[in-house]
């Protein structure tokens, strides 16, 4: 089976429950066609890069974004995309087959964050303006421009000629 990512852009006029039902409908269609769903990433309502005309003829500047990550045979994608194309509530969709498959972790597999060791309390200096660092600060070297170097060498040669 091949790894796919489908981006689904649904009209934001729909209520949240209707949007979730529509997304679940397409997820179920992928499963019916033999796909193994890895993750459904619902990003919510976002501003569109450009306005898209909705089914009622008004222009939309926002839409609901969802990313569906799944493994499926190649024959599973086309029938679901055909149904998305006919659905007036789906403003845009795009399916890609990336070169990589990112690792998805279920909540059971997620590693627990390591506990930070307790650091001993450090004493703060009584005078905050006092510099407590022991490093010596290097003075910046004066950069000599090439013109100055040439001028210095020409002065030396003139003095030698005399």
C-alpha atoms as a PDB file:
ATOM      1  CA  UNK A   1       0.000   0.000   0.000  1.00  0.00           C
ATOM      2  CA  UNK A   2       1.113   3.525  -0.763  1.00  0.00           C
ATOM      3  CA  UNK A   3       1.213   6.454   1.620  1.00  0.00           C
ATOM      4  CA  UNK A   4      -1.081   9.404   0.740  1.00  0.00           C
ATOM      5  CA  UNK A   5      -1.999  12.770   2.233  1.00  0.00           C
ATOM      6  CA  UNK A   6      -5.340  14.364   1.355  1.00  0.00           C
ATOM      7  CA  UNK A   7      -6.082  17.987   2.160  1.00  0.00           C
ATOM      8  CA  UNK A   8      -9.774  18.726   2.432  1.00  0.00           C
ATOM      9  CA  UNK A   9     -11.006  22.339   2.405  1.00  0.00           C
ATOM     10  CA  UNK A  10     -14.644  22.475   3.516  1.00  0.00           C
ATOM     11  CA  UNK A  11     -16.964  25.490   3.390  1.00  0.00           C
ATOM     12  CA  UNK A  12     -16.877  27.385   6.693  1.00  0.00           C
ATOM     13  CA  UNK A  13     -20.598  28.212   6.494  1.00  0.00           C
ATOM     14  CA  UNK A  14     -21.362  24.675   7.713  1.00  0.00           C
ATOM     15  CA  UNK A  15     -21.833  24.165  11.423  1.00  0.00           C
ATOM     16  CA  UNK A  16     -19.012  22.438  13.265  1.00  0.00           C
ATOM     17  CA  UNK A  17     -21.005  19.223  13.728  1.00  0.00           C
ATOM     18  CA  UNK A  18     -21.868  19.101   9.998  1.00  0.00           C
ATOM     19  CA  UNK A  19     -18.213  19.653   9.107  1.00  0.00           C
ATOM     20  CA  UNK A  20     -17.102  16.814  11.390  1.00  0.00           C
ATOM     21  CA  UNK A  21     -19.743  14.509   9.909  1.00  0.00           C
ATOM     22  CA  UNK A  22     -18.587  15.350   6.383  1.00  0.00           C
ATOM     23  CA  UNK A  23     -14.945  14.681   7.267  1.00  0.00           C
ATOM     24  CA  UNK A  24     -15.877  11.402   8.956  1.00  0.00           C
ATOM     25  CA  UNK A  25     -17.883  10.459   5.843  1.00  0.00           C
ATOM     26  CA  UNK A  26     -14.779  10.786   3.662  1.00  0.00           C
ATOM     27  CA  UNK A  27     -12.605   8.966   6.180  1.00  0.00           C
ATOM     28  CA  UNK A  28     -15.133   6.101   6.156  1.00  0.00           C
ATOM     29  CA  UNK A  29     -15.100   6.093   2.344  1.00  0.00           C
ATOM     30  CA  UNK A  30     -11.320   5.718   2.331  1.00  0.00           C
ATOM     31  CA  UNK A  31     -11.600   2.807   4.774  1.00  0.00           C
ATOM     32  CA  UNK A  32     -14.317   1.160   2.633  1.00  0.00           C
ATOM     33  CA  UNK A  33     -11.952   1.300  -0.345  1.00  0.00           C
ATOM     34  CA  UNK A  34      -9.177  -0.430   1.582  1.00  0.00           C
ATOM     35  CA  UNK A  35      -7.269   2.442   3.167  1.00  0.00           C
ATOM     36  CA  UNK A  36      -5.626   2.323   6.564  1.00  0.00           C
ATOM     37  CA  UNK A  37      -6.107   5.724   8.233  1.00  0.00           C
ATOM     38  CA  UNK A  38      -2.971   6.850  10.058  1.00  0.00           C
ATOM     39  CA  UNK A  39      -4.115  10.249  11.290  1.00  0.00           C
ATOM     40  CA  UNK A  40      -6.837  12.842  10.749  1.00  0.00           C
ATOM     41  CA  UNK A  41      -5.535  16.333  11.501  1.00  0.00           C
ATOM     42  CA  UNK A  42      -8.421  18.813  11.785  1.00  0.00           C
ATOM     43  CA  UNK A  43      -6.913  22.317  11.683  1.00  0.00           C
ATOM     44  CA  UNK A  44     -10.181  24.257  11.917  1.00  0.00           C
ATOM     45  CA  UNK A  45     -11.244  27.440  10.157  1.00  0.00           C
ATOM     46  CA  UNK A  46      -8.394  29.327   8.493  1.00  0.00           C
ATOM     47  CA  UNK A  47      -8.123  32.343   6.231  1.00  0.00           C
ATOM     48  CA  UNK A  48      -7.832  31.448   2.562  1.00  0.00           C
ATOM     49  CA  UNK A  49      -5.004  32.785   0.427  1.00  0.00           C
ATOM     50  CA  UNK A  50      -7.611  33.927  -2.084  1.00  0.00           C
ATOM     51  CA  UNK A  51     -11.406  34.042  -2.076  1.00  0.00           C
ATOM     52  CA  UNK A  52     -13.334  31.014  -3.360  1.00  0.00           C
ATOM     53  CA  UNK A  53     -16.914  31.152  -4.571  1.00  0.00           C
ATOM     54  CA  UNK A  54     -19.232  28.991  -2.453  1.00  0.00           C
ATOM     55  CA  UNK A  55     -22.265  26.999  -3.558  1.00  0.00           C
ATOM     56  CA  UNK A  56     -24.604  29.953  -2.935  1.00  0.00           C
ATOM     57  CA  UNK A  57     -22.562  32.263  -5.154  1.00  0.00           C
ATOM     58  CA  UNK A  58     -20.986  34.318  -2.354  1.00  0.00           C
ATOM     59  CA  UNK A  59     -17.245  34.530  -1.985  1.00  0.00           C
ATOM     60  CA  UNK A  60     -15.564  32.801   0.955  1.00  0.00           C
ATOM     61  CA  UNK A  61     -12.459  34.167   2.621  1.00  0.00           C
ATOM     62  CA  UNK A  62     -12.293  31.388   5.252  1.00  0.00           C
ATOM     63  CA  UNK A  63     -12.603  27.616   5.130  1.00  0.00           C
ATOM     64  CA  UNK A  64     -12.217  24.583   7.379  1.00  0.00           C
ATOM     65  CA  UNK A  65      -8.961  22.670   6.757  1.00  0.00           C
ATOM     66  CA  UNK A  66      -8.458  18.950   7.437  1.00  0.00           C
ATOM     67  CA  UNK A  67      -5.489  16.740   6.548  1.00  0.00           C
ATOM     68  CA  UNK A  68      -6.034  12.986   6.225  1.00  0.00           C
ATOM     69  CA  UNK A  69      -2.934  10.758   6.288  1.00  0.00           C
ATOM     70  CA  UNK A  70      -3.392   7.162   5.157  1.00  0.00           C
ATOM     71  CA  UNK A  71      -1.955   4.105   3.437  1.00  0.00           C
ATOM     72  CA  UNK A  72      -4.092   2.835   0.568  1.00  0.00           C
ATOM     73  CA  UNK A  73      -3.961   0.990  -2.708  1.00  0.00           C
ATOM     74  CA  UNK A  74      -3.900   3.299  -5.722  1.00  0.00           C
ATOM     75  CA  UNK A  75      -7.441   2.288  -6.667  1.00  0.00           C
ATOM     76  CA  UNK A  76      -8.864   3.739  -3.422  1.00  0.00           C
ATOM     77  CA  UNK A  77      -8.101   7.379  -4.131  1.00  0.00           C
ATOM     78  CA  UNK A  78      -9.941   8.066  -7.406  1.00  0.00           C
ATOM     79  CA  UNK A  79     -13.468   7.025  -6.310  1.00  0.00           C
ATOM     80  CA  UNK A  80     -13.302   9.135  -3.142  1.00  0.00           C
ATOM     81  CA  UNK A  81     -11.921  12.131  -5.057  1.00  0.00           C
ATOM     82  CA  UNK A  82     -14.782  11.776  -7.563  1.00  0.00           C
ATOM     83  CA  UNK A  83     -17.274  12.106  -4.700  1.00  0.00           C
ATOM     84  CA  UNK A  84     -15.390  15.102  -3.282  1.00  0.00           C
ATOM     85  CA  UNK A  85     -15.557  16.788  -6.672  1.00  0.00           C
ATOM     86  CA  UNK A  86     -19.366  16.438  -6.697  1.00  0.00           C
ATOM     87  CA  UNK A  87     -19.812  17.700  -3.125  1.00  0.00           C
ATOM     88  CA  UNK A  88     -20.673  21.407  -3.134  1.00  0.00           C
ATOM     89  CA  UNK A  89     -19.529  21.829   0.486  1.00  0.00           C
ATOM     90  CA  UNK A  90     -15.979  20.796  -0.423  1.00  0.00           C
ATOM     91  CA  UNK A  91     -14.355  23.957  -1.792  1.00  0.00           C
ATOM     92  CA  UNK A  92     -11.007  22.334  -2.644  1.00  0.00           C
ATOM     93  CA  UNK A  93      -9.179  19.068  -2.126  1.00  0.00           C
ATOM     94  CA  UNK A  94      -5.775  17.739  -3.021  1.00  0.00           C
ATOM     95  CA  UNK A  95      -4.199  14.319  -2.671  1.00  0.00           C
ATOM     96  CA  UNK A  96      -0.435  13.906  -2.820  1.00  0.00           C
ATOM     97  CA  UNK A  97       1.895  10.959  -2.546  1.00  0.00           C
ATOM     98  CA  UNK A  98       4.926  12.316  -0.655  1.00  0.00           C
ATOM     99  CA  UNK A  99       8.343  10.718  -0.798  1.00  0.00           C
ATOM    100  CA  UNK A 100       8.416  10.197   2.943  1.00  0.00           C
ATOM    101  CA  UNK A 101       6.086   8.801   5.567  1.00  0.00           C
ATOM    102  CA  UNK A 102       6.290  10.760   8.807  1.00  0.00           C
ATOM    103  CA  UNK A 103       6.160   8.722  11.995  1.00  0.00           C
ATOM    104  CA  UNK A 104       2.815   9.046  13.719  1.00  0.00           C
ATOM    105  CA  UNK A 105       2.647   8.289  17.403  1.00  0.00           C
ATOM    106  CA  UNK A 106      -0.506   7.212  19.111  1.00  0.00           C
ATOM    107  CA  UNK A 107      -0.960   8.484  22.677  1.00  0.00           C
ATOM    108  CA  UNK A 108      -0.024   5.013  23.975  1.00  0.00           C
ATOM    109  CA  UNK A 109       3.267   4.979  22.042  1.00  0.00           C
ATOM    110  CA  UNK A 110       4.336   8.532  22.827  1.00  0.00           C
ATOM    111  CA  UNK A 111       7.452   8.632  24.982  1.00  0.00           C
ATOM    112  CA  UNK A 112       7.161  10.373  28.303  1.00  0.00           C
ATOM    113  CA  UNK A 113       9.247  13.515  28.607  1.00  0.00           C
ATOM    114  CA  UNK A 114      12.352  13.059  30.770  1.00  0.00           C
ATOM    115  CA  UNK A 115      12.210  14.634  34.181  1.00  0.00           C
ATOM    116  CA  UNK A 116      14.603  17.495  34.656  1.00  0.00           C
ATOM    117  CA  UNK A 117      17.011  17.005  37.574  1.00  0.00           C
ATOM    118  CA  UNK A 118      16.595  19.517  40.326  1.00  0.00           C
ATOM    119  CA  UNK A 119      19.368  22.093  40.173  1.00  0.00           C
ATOM    120  CA  UNK A 120      20.757  23.428  43.456  1.00  0.00           C
ATOM    121  CA  UNK A 121      19.798  27.003  44.197  1.00  0.00           C
ATOM    122  CA  UNK A 122      22.589  29.362  43.219  1.00  0.00           C
ATOM    123  CA  UNK A 123      23.505  32.317  45.370  1.00  0.00           C
ATOM    124  CA  UNK A 124      22.848  35.651  43.721  1.00  0.00           C
ATOM    125  CA  UNK A 125      25.464  38.388  44.116  1.00  0.00           C
ATOM    126  CA  UNK A 126      24.554  41.194  46.495  1.00  0.00           C
ATOM    127  CA  UNK A 127      25.466  43.847  43.941  1.00  0.00           C
ATOM    128  CA  UNK A 128      23.729  43.098  40.631  1.00  0.00           C
ATOM    129  CA  UNK A 129      25.886  45.557  38.679  1.00  0.00           C
ATOM    130  CA  UNK A 130      29.105  43.836  39.689  1.00  0.00           C
ATOM    131  CA  UNK A 131      30.608  41.672  36.921  1.00  0.00           C
ATOM    132  CA  UNK A 132      31.167  38.199  38.402  1.00  0.00           C
ATOM    133  CA  UNK A 133      32.632  36.587  35.288  1.00  0.00           C
ATOM    134  CA  UNK A 134      36.272  35.550  35.489  1.00  0.00           C
ATOM    135  CA  UNK A 135      36.854  35.527  31.749  1.00  0.00           C
ATOM    136  CA  UNK A 136      39.155  38.152  30.370  1.00  0.00           C
ATOM    137  CA  UNK A 137      37.562  40.263  27.746  1.00  0.00           C
ATOM    138  CA  UNK A 138      39.598  40.541  24.546  1.00  0.00           C
ATOM    139  CA  UNK A 139      39.976  43.982  23.054  1.00  0.00           C
ATOM    140  CA  UNK A 140      38.999  44.188  19.409  1.00  0.00           C
ATOM    141  CA  UNK A 141      42.031  44.389  17.147  1.00  0.00           C
ATOM    142  CA  UNK A 142      42.348  47.507  15.047  1.00  0.00           C
ATOM    143  CA  UNK A 143      41.869  46.463  11.455  1.00  0.00           C
ATOM    144  CA  UNK A 144      44.399  47.924   9.111  1.00  0.00           C
ATOM    145  CA  UNK A 145      43.039  48.701   5.681  1.00  0.00           C
ATOM    146  CA  UNK A 146      45.086  47.647   2.630  1.00  0.00           C
ATOM    147  CA  UNK A 147      45.492  51.301   1.615  1.00  0.00           C
ATOM    148  CA  UNK A 148      47.096  52.154   4.951  1.00  0.00           C
ATOM    149  CA  UNK A 149      49.426  49.184   4.651  1.00  0.00           C
ATOM    150  CA  UNK A 150      50.567  50.362   1.201  1.00  0.00           C
ATOM    151  CA  UNK A 151      50.967  53.915   2.425  1.00  0.00           C
ATOM    152  CA  UNK A 152      53.113  52.747   5.365  1.00  0.00           C
ATOM    153  CA  UNK A 153      55.381  50.677   3.134  1.00  0.00           C
ATOM    154  CA  UNK A 154      55.822  53.564   0.678  1.00  0.00           C
ATOM    155  CA  UNK A 155      56.833  55.872   3.559  1.00  0.00           C
ATOM    156  CA  UNK A 156      59.503  53.344   4.588  1.00  0.00           C
ATOM    157  CA  UNK A 157      60.879  53.130   1.072  1.00  0.00           C
ATOM    158  CA  UNK A 158      61.045  56.925   0.776  1.00  0.00           C
ATOM    159  CA  UNK A 159      62.974  57.141   4.036  1.00  0.00           C
ATOM    160  CA  UNK A 160      65.446  54.502   2.846  1.00  0.00           C
ATOM    161  CA  UNK A 161      66.125  56.419  -0.390  1.00  0.00           C
ATOM    162  CA  UNK A 162      67.184  59.540   1.537  1.00  0.00           C
END
